[in-house]
C-alpha cells in the first residue's frame, strides 16, 4: 500500500522477496497510479498478481494494456464529500458501513 506508484523497480524487488519467502498472491494498492516509463511492461512480467489504483490520474494506453492494473472510481466519494462540506454535514458518515466487494 502506498500513496503513489510511479517507477516500479523497488516495488517489483519487494514482490520478489515476498514471493521467495512463500507469498502465494501479491496485491499492491495505491491512491495514484502514474506508471512512468516501462512500469506497465515490468508489472505485467512480475510476480505481482494485481495492482489497484484510483482514477485520480486518467488511465492511458499503457495502463490499459496491463491486465494486472485495476482502477477504482472514487468520483462518487469525492462528490459526496464536496456536497457534505458545502452543506456543513458530517464527513464521518462517508466512512461508516463501507461495503466489501466490487
N, C-alpha and C. Protein backbone atom coordinates (compact mmCIF):
# COMPACT_ATOMS: atom_id res chain seq x y z
N UNK A 1 0.85 -1.17 0.00
CA UNK A 1 0.00 0.00 0.00
C UNK A 1 0.89 1.23 0.00
N UNK A 2 0.59 2.15 -0.89
CA UNK A 2 1.38 3.37 -1.00
C UNK A 2 0.48 4.47 -1.52
N UNK A 3 0.97 5.69 -1.47
CA UNK A 3 0.17 6.79 -1.99
C UNK A 3 0.30 6.91 -3.51
N UNK A 4 1.49 6.65 -4.04
CA UNK A 4 1.74 6.81 -5.48
C UNK A 4 2.62 5.67 -6.00
N UNK A 5 2.29 5.19 -7.18
CA UNK A 5 3.15 4.24 -7.88
C UNK A 5 3.60 4.92 -9.16
N UNK A 6 4.90 5.10 -9.29
CA UNK A 6 5.45 5.73 -10.49
C UNK A 6 6.38 4.72 -11.16
N UNK A 7 7.63 4.73 -10.79
CA UNK A 7 8.56 3.71 -11.27
C UNK A 7 8.39 2.50 -10.36
N UNK A 8 8.49 1.32 -10.90
CA UNK A 8 8.11 0.12 -10.14
C UNK A 8 9.27 -0.80 -9.78
N UNK A 9 10.50 -0.38 -10.03
CA UNK A 9 11.64 -1.26 -9.78
C UNK A 9 11.70 -1.75 -8.33
N UNK A 10 11.62 -0.84 -7.37
CA UNK A 10 11.71 -1.25 -5.96
C UNK A 10 10.48 -2.06 -5.55
N UNK A 11 9.33 -1.75 -6.10
CA UNK A 11 8.11 -2.49 -5.81
C UNK A 11 8.23 -3.94 -6.29
N UNK A 12 8.78 -4.12 -7.46
CA UNK A 12 8.96 -5.47 -8.00
C UNK A 12 10.02 -6.24 -7.21
N UNK A 13 11.08 -5.56 -6.79
CA UNK A 13 12.08 -6.24 -5.94
C UNK A 13 11.44 -6.72 -4.65
N UNK A 14 10.62 -5.89 -4.03
CA UNK A 14 9.94 -6.28 -2.80
C UNK A 14 8.99 -7.45 -3.06
N UNK A 15 8.26 -7.41 -4.16
CA UNK A 15 7.35 -8.51 -4.52
C UNK A 15 8.12 -9.81 -4.70
N UNK A 16 9.30 -9.73 -5.31
CA UNK A 16 10.13 -10.93 -5.49
C UNK A 16 10.55 -11.52 -4.15
N UNK A 17 10.91 -10.66 -3.21
CA UNK A 17 11.29 -11.13 -1.87
C UNK A 17 10.09 -11.84 -1.22
N UNK A 18 8.93 -11.21 -1.29
CA UNK A 18 7.73 -11.82 -0.71
C UNK A 18 7.42 -13.17 -1.36
N UNK A 19 7.55 -13.22 -2.67
CA UNK A 19 7.30 -14.46 -3.41
C UNK A 19 8.27 -15.55 -2.99
N UNK A 20 9.55 -15.22 -2.88
CA UNK A 20 10.57 -16.20 -2.49
C UNK A 20 10.40 -16.66 -1.04
N UNK A 21 9.75 -15.82 -0.24
CA UNK A 21 9.51 -16.20 1.16
C UNK A 21 8.17 -16.89 1.35
N UNK A 22 7.50 -17.21 0.25
CA UNK A 22 6.31 -18.04 0.34
C UNK A 22 4.97 -17.38 0.08
N UNK A 23 4.95 -16.12 -0.29
CA UNK A 23 3.67 -15.47 -0.57
C UNK A 23 3.02 -16.12 -1.78
N UNK A 24 1.76 -16.49 -1.64
CA UNK A 24 1.04 -17.13 -2.75
C UNK A 24 0.51 -16.11 -3.74
N UNK A 25 0.04 -15.01 -3.22
CA UNK A 25 -0.50 -13.95 -4.06
C UNK A 25 0.02 -12.61 -3.55
N UNK A 26 0.26 -11.70 -4.48
CA UNK A 26 0.79 -10.38 -4.10
C UNK A 26 -0.09 -9.32 -4.74
N UNK A 27 -0.70 -8.51 -3.88
CA UNK A 27 -1.56 -7.42 -4.31
C UNK A 27 -0.94 -6.10 -3.88
N UNK A 28 -1.03 -5.11 -4.74
CA UNK A 28 -0.48 -3.79 -4.47
C UNK A 28 -1.61 -2.79 -4.59
N UNK A 29 -1.66 -1.83 -3.67
CA UNK A 29 -2.68 -0.78 -3.73
C UNK A 29 -2.02 0.58 -3.60
N UNK A 30 -2.55 1.55 -4.32
CA UNK A 30 -2.06 2.93 -4.21
C UNK A 30 -3.18 3.87 -4.61
N UNK A 31 -3.09 5.08 -4.13
CA UNK A 31 -4.08 6.09 -4.49
C UNK A 31 -3.88 6.56 -5.92
N UNK A 32 -2.64 6.90 -6.27
CA UNK A 32 -2.35 7.48 -7.58
C UNK A 32 -1.44 6.55 -8.39
N UNK A 33 -1.88 6.15 -9.57
CA UNK A 33 -1.07 5.31 -10.45
C UNK A 33 -0.51 6.12 -11.60
N UNK A 34 0.77 6.44 -11.53
CA UNK A 34 1.42 7.23 -12.59
C UNK A 34 2.03 6.31 -13.65
N UNK A 35 2.77 5.31 -13.23
CA UNK A 35 3.36 4.29 -14.09
C UNK A 35 4.21 4.88 -15.22
N UNK A 36 5.32 5.49 -14.84
CA UNK A 36 6.24 6.11 -15.82
C UNK A 36 7.08 5.07 -16.55
N UNK A 37 7.55 5.47 -17.71
CA UNK A 37 8.50 4.65 -18.47
C UNK A 37 7.96 3.27 -18.79
N UNK A 38 8.75 2.25 -18.43
CA UNK A 38 8.41 0.85 -18.71
C UNK A 38 7.64 0.20 -17.57
N UNK A 39 7.06 0.98 -16.68
CA UNK A 39 6.41 0.43 -15.48
C UNK A 39 5.35 -0.61 -15.80
N UNK A 40 4.49 -0.33 -16.76
CA UNK A 40 3.41 -1.27 -17.08
C UNK A 40 3.95 -2.59 -17.61
N UNK A 41 4.94 -2.51 -18.47
CA UNK A 41 5.53 -3.73 -19.02
C UNK A 41 6.22 -4.54 -17.92
N UNK A 42 6.92 -3.87 -17.02
CA UNK A 42 7.59 -4.55 -15.91
C UNK A 42 6.58 -5.20 -14.98
N UNK A 43 5.48 -4.51 -14.69
CA UNK A 43 4.45 -5.08 -13.83
C UNK A 43 3.83 -6.32 -14.47
N UNK A 44 3.58 -6.25 -15.75
CA UNK A 44 2.95 -7.37 -16.45
C UNK A 44 3.82 -8.63 -16.36
N UNK A 45 5.13 -8.47 -16.36
CA UNK A 45 6.05 -9.61 -16.30
C UNK A 45 6.39 -10.03 -14.87
N UNK A 46 5.94 -9.28 -13.88
CA UNK A 46 6.34 -9.51 -12.49
C UNK A 46 5.50 -10.58 -11.80
N UNK A 47 5.89 -10.92 -10.57
CA UNK A 47 5.15 -11.89 -9.76
C UNK A 47 3.94 -11.25 -9.08
N UNK A 48 3.76 -9.96 -9.25
CA UNK A 48 2.61 -9.26 -8.66
C UNK A 48 1.35 -9.72 -9.37
N UNK A 49 0.32 -10.06 -8.58
CA UNK A 49 -0.93 -10.55 -9.15
C UNK A 49 -1.85 -9.42 -9.60
N UNK A 50 -1.92 -8.36 -8.80
CA UNK A 50 -2.84 -7.28 -9.13
C UNK A 50 -2.38 -5.98 -8.49
N UNK A 51 -2.57 -4.89 -9.23
CA UNK A 51 -2.27 -3.55 -8.74
C UNK A 51 -3.57 -2.75 -8.82
N UNK A 52 -4.02 -2.23 -7.68
CA UNK A 52 -5.27 -1.48 -7.62
C UNK A 52 -4.94 -0.01 -7.34
N UNK A 53 -5.44 0.86 -8.21
CA UNK A 53 -5.26 2.31 -8.05
C UNK A 53 -6.61 2.99 -8.22
N UNK A 54 -6.69 4.25 -7.82
CA UNK A 54 -7.91 5.02 -8.03
C UNK A 54 -7.80 5.78 -9.35
N UNK A 55 -8.89 6.38 -9.75
CA UNK A 55 -8.91 7.13 -11.01
C UNK A 55 -8.58 8.61 -10.81
N UNK A 56 -7.72 8.92 -9.84
CA UNK A 56 -7.28 10.31 -9.66
C UNK A 56 -6.37 10.75 -10.80
N UNK A 57 -5.79 9.80 -11.49
CA UNK A 57 -4.98 10.07 -12.69
C UNK A 57 -5.60 9.24 -13.81
N UNK A 58 -5.93 9.86 -14.95
CA UNK A 58 -6.59 9.12 -16.03
C UNK A 58 -5.73 7.96 -16.54
N UNK A 59 -6.40 6.87 -16.90
CA UNK A 59 -5.71 5.73 -17.50
C UNK A 59 -5.25 6.10 -18.90
N UNK A 60 -4.08 5.58 -19.26
CA UNK A 60 -3.60 5.80 -20.63
C UNK A 60 -3.49 4.45 -21.33
N UNK A 61 -3.03 4.46 -22.57
CA UNK A 61 -2.95 3.22 -23.35
C UNK A 61 -2.04 2.18 -22.70
N UNK A 62 -0.94 2.65 -22.08
CA UNK A 62 -0.03 1.71 -21.43
C UNK A 62 -0.73 1.00 -20.28
N UNK A 63 -1.48 1.74 -19.49
CA UNK A 63 -2.20 1.13 -18.37
C UNK A 63 -3.27 0.16 -18.86
N UNK A 64 -3.93 0.53 -19.94
CA UNK A 64 -4.97 -0.33 -20.50
C UNK A 64 -4.40 -1.65 -21.01
N UNK A 65 -3.14 -1.64 -21.42
CA UNK A 65 -2.52 -2.85 -21.95
C UNK A 65 -2.04 -3.80 -20.85
N UNK A 66 -2.06 -3.36 -19.60
CA UNK A 66 -1.60 -4.20 -18.49
C UNK A 66 -2.81 -4.77 -17.76
N UNK A 67 -3.03 -6.05 -17.89
CA UNK A 67 -4.20 -6.70 -17.28
C UNK A 67 -4.13 -6.73 -15.76
N UNK A 68 -2.96 -6.48 -15.20
CA UNK A 68 -2.81 -6.53 -13.74
C UNK A 68 -3.25 -5.24 -13.05
N UNK A 69 -3.43 -4.17 -13.80
CA UNK A 69 -3.82 -2.89 -13.20
C UNK A 69 -5.33 -2.75 -13.22
N UNK A 70 -5.90 -2.59 -12.03
CA UNK A 70 -7.34 -2.37 -11.86
C UNK A 70 -7.54 -0.95 -11.31
N UNK A 71 -8.58 -0.28 -11.77
CA UNK A 71 -8.83 1.09 -11.35
C UNK A 71 -10.19 1.18 -10.65
N UNK A 72 -10.18 1.85 -9.50
CA UNK A 72 -11.41 2.08 -8.73
C UNK A 72 -11.85 3.52 -8.94
N UNK A 73 -13.12 3.71 -9.27
CA UNK A 73 -13.68 5.04 -9.47
C UNK A 73 -14.05 5.65 -8.12
N UNK A 74 -13.39 6.75 -7.76
CA UNK A 74 -13.70 7.40 -6.48
C UNK A 74 -14.50 8.68 -6.66
N UNK A 75 -15.00 8.94 -7.87
CA UNK A 75 -15.76 10.17 -8.10
C UNK A 75 -17.01 10.27 -7.23
N UNK A 76 -17.77 9.17 -6.99
CA UNK A 76 -18.93 9.31 -6.09
C UNK A 76 -18.53 9.74 -4.68
N UNK A 77 -17.43 9.18 -4.18
CA UNK A 77 -16.95 9.55 -2.85
C UNK A 77 -16.54 11.02 -2.79
N UNK A 78 -15.79 11.46 -3.80
CA UNK A 78 -15.35 12.86 -3.81
C UNK A 78 -16.52 13.83 -3.95
N UNK A 79 -17.47 13.50 -4.82
CA UNK A 79 -18.61 14.41 -4.99
C UNK A 79 -19.45 14.48 -3.73
N UNK A 80 -19.63 13.36 -3.06
CA UNK A 80 -20.39 13.38 -1.80
C UNK A 80 -19.63 14.14 -0.72
N UNK A 81 -18.31 14.01 -0.69
CA UNK A 81 -17.51 14.77 0.28
C UNK A 81 -17.65 16.28 0.04
N UNK A 82 -17.59 16.68 -1.21
CA UNK A 82 -17.75 18.11 -1.55
C UNK A 82 -19.14 18.60 -1.14
N UNK A 83 -20.16 17.80 -1.44
CA UNK A 83 -21.53 18.18 -1.08
C UNK A 83 -21.67 18.33 0.43
N UNK A 84 -21.11 17.39 1.18
CA UNK A 84 -21.22 17.44 2.64
C UNK A 84 -20.46 18.64 3.22
N UNK A 85 -19.29 18.92 2.70
CA UNK A 85 -18.54 20.09 3.18
C UNK A 85 -19.32 21.36 2.87
N UNK A 86 -19.85 21.46 1.68
CA UNK A 86 -20.61 22.65 1.27
C UNK A 86 -21.84 22.86 2.16
N UNK A 87 -22.50 21.77 2.55
CA UNK A 87 -23.71 21.87 3.36
C UNK A 87 -23.45 21.77 4.86
N UNK A 88 -22.17 21.71 5.25
CA UNK A 88 -21.83 21.64 6.67
C UNK A 88 -22.24 20.34 7.33
N UNK A 89 -22.29 19.26 6.57
CA UNK A 89 -22.68 17.95 7.10
C UNK A 89 -21.46 17.14 7.53
N UNK A 90 -21.71 16.09 8.28
CA UNK A 90 -20.65 15.24 8.81
C UNK A 90 -19.91 14.49 7.70
N UNK A 91 -18.60 14.49 7.79
CA UNK A 91 -17.79 13.70 6.86
C UNK A 91 -17.64 12.26 7.34
N UNK A 92 -17.78 12.03 8.64
CA UNK A 92 -17.59 10.68 9.18
C UNK A 92 -18.61 9.70 8.60
N UNK A 93 -19.76 10.21 8.18
CA UNK A 93 -20.78 9.36 7.57
C UNK A 93 -20.22 8.59 6.37
N UNK A 94 -19.30 9.19 5.63
CA UNK A 94 -18.73 8.57 4.44
C UNK A 94 -17.95 7.29 4.75
N UNK A 95 -17.54 7.13 6.00
CA UNK A 95 -16.67 6.01 6.35
C UNK A 95 -17.38 5.00 7.24
N UNK A 96 -18.68 5.07 7.32
CA UNK A 96 -19.48 4.08 8.04
C UNK A 96 -20.01 3.05 7.06
N UNK A 97 -20.07 1.83 7.50
CA UNK A 97 -20.68 0.76 6.71
C UNK A 97 -20.18 0.71 5.29
N UNK A 98 -18.86 0.73 5.13
CA UNK A 98 -18.27 0.66 3.79
C UNK A 98 -18.43 -0.77 3.28
N UNK A 99 -19.09 -0.93 2.13
CA UNK A 99 -19.32 -2.29 1.62
C UNK A 99 -18.02 -2.94 1.15
N UNK A 100 -17.94 -4.25 1.31
CA UNK A 100 -16.81 -5.02 0.86
C UNK A 100 -17.21 -5.68 -0.46
N UNK A 101 -16.34 -5.61 -1.44
CA UNK A 101 -16.64 -6.21 -2.74
C UNK A 101 -16.47 -5.22 -3.85
N UNK A 102 -16.93 -5.57 -5.02
CA UNK A 102 -16.77 -4.72 -6.19
C UNK A 102 -17.69 -3.52 -6.14
